[in-house]
Amino acid sequence: MPSFIELYVDQGATFNHVIDISDDLTNANVNIAGSIVRSQMRRSYFSQNASANITCTITDASNGQIGLAMTGDYTADIKAGRYVFDVELTSSSGSIQRLLEGIITVTPRVTR
């Protein structure tokens, strides 16, 4: 079962978040070398189109570390509000696993 978290994005600000993938039984970090990671956020689980694509980078494959990011210019164009998101990992064998899911709240920008 994927982990559930709540994240906050300040509209118009750079967003960076690091997640560590660990084994549920042993709590040891998982080697994700050769994998591909992707993430999207949507207004609801049933939305046809993604509201934003979150840039995912494997920052330390042997220790299961993934970086999530969006630039300030990109977050400036996202309407303030609550969104759902998930992070999926495609292994080198082609199997897909949902690593993380949750809510992202985009807080409105005041200073422009």
N, C-alpha and C. Protein backbone atom coordinates (compact mmCIF):
# COMPACT_ATOMS: atom_id res chain seq x y z
N MET A 1 0.84 -1.18 0.00
CA MET A 1 0.00 0.00 0.00
C MET A 1 0.89 1.24 0.00
N PRO A 2 0.60 2.20 -0.87
CA PRO A 2 1.44 3.40 -0.93
C PRO A 2 1.25 4.29 0.31
N SER A 3 2.28 5.04 0.61
CA SER A 3 2.21 6.00 1.71
C SER A 3 1.33 7.17 1.30
N PHE A 4 0.69 7.82 2.27
CA PHE A 4 -0.16 8.98 2.03
C PHE A 4 0.46 10.17 2.74
N ILE A 5 0.65 11.27 1.99
CA ILE A 5 1.18 12.49 2.61
C ILE A 5 0.42 13.70 2.09
N GLU A 6 0.55 14.78 2.82
CA GLU A 6 -0.02 16.06 2.40
C GLU A 6 1.13 17.04 2.19
N LEU A 7 1.14 17.68 1.02
CA LEU A 7 2.17 18.64 0.66
C LEU A 7 1.54 20.00 0.39
N TYR A 8 2.37 21.04 0.51
CA TYR A 8 1.93 22.41 0.23
C TYR A 8 2.85 23.03 -0.80
N VAL A 9 2.26 23.74 -1.75
CA VAL A 9 3.00 24.45 -2.78
C VAL A 9 2.57 25.90 -2.71
N ASP A 10 3.54 26.80 -2.61
CA ASP A 10 3.24 28.23 -2.65
C ASP A 10 3.19 28.65 -4.11
N GLN A 11 2.04 29.14 -4.53
CA GLN A 11 1.86 29.58 -5.91
C GLN A 11 2.93 30.61 -6.26
N GLY A 12 3.64 30.38 -7.37
CA GLY A 12 4.69 31.29 -7.83
C GLY A 12 6.05 31.05 -7.19
N ALA A 13 6.16 30.07 -6.31
CA ALA A 13 7.44 29.76 -5.66
C ALA A 13 7.96 28.41 -6.16
N THR A 14 9.25 28.23 -6.06
CA THR A 14 9.87 26.95 -6.42
C THR A 14 9.45 25.90 -5.40
N PHE A 15 9.09 24.73 -5.90
CA PHE A 15 8.70 23.61 -5.05
C PHE A 15 9.73 22.51 -5.15
N ASN A 16 10.24 22.04 -4.03
CA ASN A 16 11.17 20.91 -3.96
C ASN A 16 10.79 20.05 -2.76
N HIS A 17 10.75 18.75 -2.99
CA HIS A 17 10.46 17.81 -1.90
C HIS A 17 11.21 16.52 -2.19
N VAL A 18 11.83 15.94 -1.19
CA VAL A 18 12.58 14.70 -1.34
C VAL A 18 11.84 13.59 -0.60
N ILE A 19 11.71 12.42 -1.28
CA ILE A 19 11.12 11.26 -0.62
C ILE A 19 12.12 10.12 -0.65
N ASP A 20 12.10 9.32 0.39
CA ASP A 20 12.95 8.13 0.49
C ASP A 20 12.05 6.91 0.45
N ILE A 21 12.34 5.99 -0.46
CA ILE A 21 11.56 4.77 -0.62
C ILE A 21 12.19 3.69 0.25
N SER A 22 11.39 3.12 1.15
CA SER A 22 11.90 2.06 2.02
C SER A 22 10.97 0.86 2.01
N ASP A 23 11.51 -0.28 2.33
CA ASP A 23 10.76 -1.53 2.41
C ASP A 23 9.87 -1.49 3.65
N ASP A 24 8.58 -1.83 3.49
CA ASP A 24 7.64 -1.77 4.61
C ASP A 24 8.00 -2.73 5.75
N LEU A 25 8.59 -3.86 5.41
CA LEU A 25 8.90 -4.87 6.44
C LEU A 25 10.21 -4.59 7.17
N THR A 26 11.26 -4.27 6.41
CA THR A 26 12.57 -4.11 7.01
C THR A 26 12.93 -2.66 7.30
N ASN A 27 12.19 -1.72 6.71
CA ASN A 27 12.45 -0.29 6.81
C ASN A 27 13.77 0.10 6.15
N ALA A 28 14.38 -0.81 5.38
CA ALA A 28 15.62 -0.50 4.66
C ALA A 28 15.29 0.23 3.36
N ASN A 29 16.17 1.13 2.94
CA ASN A 29 15.97 1.83 1.68
C ASN A 29 16.00 0.84 0.52
N VAL A 30 15.23 1.13 -0.53
CA VAL A 30 15.08 0.25 -1.68
C VAL A 30 15.91 0.80 -2.84
N ASN A 31 16.69 -0.08 -3.49
CA ASN A 31 17.48 0.31 -4.66
C ASN A 31 16.54 0.44 -5.85
N ILE A 32 16.47 1.64 -6.46
CA ILE A 32 15.58 1.88 -7.59
C ILE A 32 16.36 2.18 -8.87
N ALA A 33 17.60 1.70 -8.93
CA ALA A 33 18.43 1.91 -10.12
C ALA A 33 17.74 1.32 -11.35
N GLY A 34 17.78 2.03 -12.45
CA GLY A 34 17.19 1.58 -13.70
C GLY A 34 15.70 1.84 -13.80
N SER A 35 15.12 2.49 -12.80
CA SER A 35 13.68 2.76 -12.79
C SER A 35 13.39 4.16 -13.32
N ILE A 36 12.12 4.38 -13.63
CA ILE A 36 11.63 5.69 -14.07
C ILE A 36 10.54 6.10 -13.10
N VAL A 37 10.53 7.37 -12.72
CA VAL A 37 9.55 7.87 -11.77
C VAL A 37 8.78 9.01 -12.41
N ARG A 38 7.46 9.04 -12.17
CA ARG A 38 6.64 10.13 -12.70
C ARG A 38 5.55 10.48 -11.70
N SER A 39 5.02 11.72 -11.84
CA SER A 39 4.01 12.20 -10.91
C SER A 39 3.16 13.26 -11.58
N GLN A 40 1.87 13.24 -11.27
CA GLN A 40 0.94 14.26 -11.73
C GLN A 40 0.02 14.66 -10.59
N MET A 41 -0.53 15.87 -10.72
CA MET A 41 -1.56 16.30 -9.78
C MET A 41 -2.81 16.68 -10.58
N ARG A 42 -3.97 16.38 -10.00
CA ARG A 42 -5.26 16.64 -10.65
C ARG A 42 -6.23 17.21 -9.62
N ARG A 43 -7.26 17.90 -10.10
CA ARG A 43 -8.28 18.45 -9.20
C ARG A 43 -9.00 17.35 -8.44
N SER A 44 -9.25 16.21 -9.09
CA SER A 44 -9.89 15.08 -8.43
C SER A 44 -9.36 13.80 -9.07
N TYR A 45 -9.66 12.68 -8.46
CA TYR A 45 -9.24 11.39 -9.01
C TYR A 45 -9.86 11.14 -10.37
N PHE A 46 -10.96 11.81 -10.66
CA PHE A 46 -11.70 11.55 -11.88
C PHE A 46 -11.47 12.60 -12.97
N SER A 47 -10.61 13.59 -12.72
CA SER A 47 -10.30 14.62 -13.71
C SER A 47 -9.65 14.00 -14.94
N GLN A 48 -10.11 14.40 -16.12
CA GLN A 48 -9.56 13.88 -17.37
C GLN A 48 -8.12 14.34 -17.61
N ASN A 49 -7.84 15.59 -17.27
CA ASN A 49 -6.54 16.17 -17.56
C ASN A 49 -5.78 16.48 -16.27
N ALA A 50 -4.47 16.34 -16.36
CA ALA A 50 -3.61 16.70 -15.23
C ALA A 50 -3.57 18.21 -15.09
N SER A 51 -3.60 18.69 -13.87
CA SER A 51 -3.44 20.12 -13.60
C SER A 51 -1.98 20.53 -13.68
N ALA A 52 -1.07 19.57 -13.36
CA ALA A 52 0.36 19.82 -13.42
C ALA A 52 1.11 18.50 -13.44
N ASN A 53 2.25 18.51 -14.09
CA ASN A 53 3.19 17.40 -14.04
C ASN A 53 4.29 17.79 -13.07
N ILE A 54 4.57 16.93 -12.13
CA ILE A 54 5.63 17.19 -11.16
C ILE A 54 6.90 16.52 -11.69
N THR A 55 7.97 17.29 -11.80
CA THR A 55 9.24 16.75 -12.28
C THR A 55 9.82 15.84 -11.21
N CYS A 56 10.11 14.60 -11.62
CA CYS A 56 10.67 13.61 -10.69
C CYS A 56 12.09 13.25 -11.13
N THR A 57 13.00 13.21 -10.19
CA THR A 57 14.38 12.87 -10.45
C THR A 57 14.84 11.86 -9.40
N ILE A 58 15.46 10.80 -9.87
CA ILE A 58 16.06 9.86 -8.92
C ILE A 58 17.40 10.46 -8.51
N THR A 59 17.49 10.91 -7.26
CA THR A 59 18.68 11.62 -6.80
C THR A 59 19.72 10.69 -6.20
N ASP A 60 19.28 9.54 -5.68
CA ASP A 60 20.20 8.55 -5.11
C ASP A 60 19.53 7.18 -5.28
N ALA A 61 19.79 6.54 -6.42
CA ALA A 61 19.11 5.29 -6.78
C ALA A 61 19.35 4.17 -5.77
N SER A 62 20.58 4.00 -5.32
CA SER A 62 20.89 2.89 -4.42
C SER A 62 20.22 3.04 -3.06
N ASN A 63 19.89 4.27 -2.67
CA ASN A 63 19.22 4.50 -1.39
C ASN A 63 17.75 4.87 -1.54
N GLY A 64 17.20 4.73 -2.77
CA GLY A 64 15.78 4.96 -2.99
C GLY A 64 15.32 6.38 -2.78
N GLN A 65 16.14 7.35 -3.16
CA GLN A 65 15.78 8.75 -2.94
C GLN A 65 15.31 9.40 -4.25
N ILE A 66 14.15 10.07 -4.16
CA ILE A 66 13.53 10.72 -5.31
C ILE A 66 13.25 12.17 -4.97
N GLY A 67 13.57 13.05 -5.92
CA GLY A 67 13.26 14.47 -5.76
C GLY A 67 12.05 14.84 -6.59
N LEU A 68 11.14 15.61 -6.01
CA LEU A 68 9.97 16.14 -6.70
C LEU A 68 10.19 17.64 -6.81
N ALA A 69 9.89 18.22 -7.99
CA ALA A 69 10.16 19.65 -8.16
C ALA A 69 9.23 20.29 -9.18
N MET A 70 8.99 21.60 -8.99
CA MET A 70 8.32 22.45 -9.96
C MET A 70 8.94 23.84 -9.83
N THR A 71 9.14 24.51 -10.95
CA THR A 71 9.73 25.84 -10.92
C THR A 71 8.69 26.87 -10.47
N GLY A 72 9.18 28.02 -10.05
CA GLY A 72 8.29 29.11 -9.65
C GLY A 72 7.40 29.58 -10.78
N ASP A 73 7.95 29.66 -12.00
CA ASP A 73 7.13 30.05 -13.16
C ASP A 73 6.01 29.04 -13.40
N TYR A 74 6.32 27.77 -13.19
CA TYR A 74 5.33 26.72 -13.41
C TYR A 74 4.23 26.76 -12.34
N THR A 75 4.61 26.90 -11.05
CA THR A 75 3.61 26.93 -10.00
C THR A 75 2.75 28.19 -10.05
N ALA A 76 3.28 29.26 -10.65
CA ALA A 76 2.51 30.50 -10.78
C ALA A 76 1.28 30.29 -11.65
N ASP A 77 1.34 29.34 -12.56
CA ASP A 77 0.23 29.07 -13.47
C ASP A 77 -0.76 28.04 -12.94
N ILE A 78 -0.52 27.49 -11.76
CA ILE A 78 -1.44 26.52 -11.17
C ILE A 78 -2.44 27.26 -10.29
N LYS A 79 -3.72 27.04 -10.54
CA LYS A 79 -4.77 27.68 -9.77
C LYS A 79 -4.70 27.22 -8.31
N ALA A 80 -4.83 28.17 -7.39
CA ALA A 80 -4.80 27.83 -5.96
C ALA A 80 -5.94 26.88 -5.63
N GLY A 81 -5.68 25.95 -4.71
CA GLY A 81 -6.70 25.00 -4.29
C GLY A 81 -6.10 23.67 -3.89
N ARG A 82 -6.98 22.69 -3.71
CA ARG A 82 -6.58 21.34 -3.29
C ARG A 82 -6.56 20.40 -4.48
N TYR A 83 -5.53 19.58 -4.54
CA TYR A 83 -5.35 18.63 -5.64
C TYR A 83 -4.97 17.26 -5.06
N VAL A 84 -5.21 16.22 -5.83
CA VAL A 84 -4.70 14.89 -5.49
C VAL A 84 -3.48 14.64 -6.35
N PHE A 85 -2.57 13.79 -5.87
CA PHE A 85 -1.38 13.45 -6.65
C PHE A 85 -0.93 12.05 -6.29
N ASP A 86 -0.09 11.50 -7.14
CA ASP A 86 0.59 10.26 -6.79
C ASP A 86 1.95 10.25 -7.46
N VAL A 87 2.78 9.33 -7.01
CA VAL A 87 4.12 9.12 -7.58
C VAL A 87 4.20 7.65 -7.96
N GLU A 88 4.48 7.40 -9.24
CA GLU A 88 4.59 6.03 -9.74
C GLU A 88 6.02 5.72 -10.16
N LEU A 89 6.42 4.48 -9.90
CA LEU A 89 7.75 4.01 -10.28
C LEU A 89 7.57 2.87 -11.29
N THR A 90 8.23 3.01 -12.43
CA THR A 90 8.26 1.93 -13.43
C THR A 90 9.63 1.30 -13.34
N SER A 91 9.66 0.02 -13.00
CA SER A 91 10.94 -0.69 -12.85
C SER A 91 11.53 -1.01 -14.21
N SER A 92 12.77 -1.44 -14.22
CA SER A 92 13.44 -1.80 -15.48
C SER A 92 12.76 -2.97 -16.17
N SER A 93 11.99 -3.77 -15.41
CA SER A 93 11.24 -4.90 -16.01
C SER A 93 9.90 -4.46 -16.57
N GLY A 94 9.50 -3.20 -16.31
CA GLY A 94 8.24 -2.67 -16.83
C GLY A 94 7.09 -2.68 -15.85
N SER A 95 7.28 -3.24 -14.66
CA SER A 95 6.18 -3.24 -13.69
C SER A 95 6.03 -1.83 -13.09
N ILE A 96 4.78 -1.47 -12.81
CA ILE A 96 4.47 -0.14 -12.29
C ILE A 96 3.96 -0.28 -10.86
N GLN A 97 4.49 0.58 -10.00
CA GLN A 97 4.11 0.56 -8.59
C GLN A 97 3.82 1.99 -8.14
N ARG A 98 2.71 2.20 -7.45
CA ARG A 98 2.44 3.50 -6.86
C ARG A 98 3.17 3.58 -5.54
N LEU A 99 4.09 4.52 -5.44
CA LEU A 99 4.92 4.67 -4.25
C LEU A 99 4.28 5.55 -3.18
N LEU A 100 3.58 6.57 -3.66
CA LEU A 100 3.12 7.63 -2.77
C LEU A 100 1.87 8.24 -3.36
N GLU A 101 0.96 8.66 -2.50
CA GLU A 101 -0.21 9.40 -2.95
C GLU A 101 -0.59 10.39 -1.87
N GLY A 102 -1.41 11.35 -2.24
CA GLY A 102 -1.82 12.30 -1.24
C GLY A 102 -2.50 13.53 -1.79
N ILE A 103 -2.48 14.56 -0.99
CA ILE A 103 -3.10 15.84 -1.29
C ILE A 103 -2.01 16.89 -1.42
N ILE A 104 -2.13 17.72 -2.45
CA ILE A 104 -1.27 18.90 -2.57
C ILE A 104 -2.18 20.12 -2.50
N THR A 105 -1.87 21.01 -1.59
CA THR A 105 -2.60 22.27 -1.49
C THR A 105 -1.73 23.37 -2.06
N VAL A 106 -2.23 24.06 -3.07
CA VAL A 106 -1.53 25.20 -3.66
C VAL A 106 -2.09 26.45 -2.99
N THR A 107 -1.23 27.14 -2.24
CA THR A 107 -1.67 28.35 -1.53
C THR A 107 -1.54 29.55 -2.47
N PRO A 108 -2.52 30.47 -2.42
CA PRO A 108 -2.51 31.59 -3.37
C PRO A 108 -1.36 32.57 -3.13
N ARG A 109 -0.94 33.13 -4.23
CA ARG A 109 0.15 34.11 -4.22
C ARG A 109 -0.40 35.49 -3.93
N VAL A 110 0.32 36.26 -3.14
CA VAL A 110 -0.07 37.63 -2.85
C VAL A 110 0.87 38.60 -3.56
N THR A 111 2.16 38.42 -3.36
CA THR A 111 3.16 39.29 -3.98
C THR A 111 3.37 38.88 -5.42
N ARG A 112 3.21 39.83 -6.34
CA ARG A 112 3.37 39.53 -7.77
C ARG A 112 4.36 40.49 -8.38
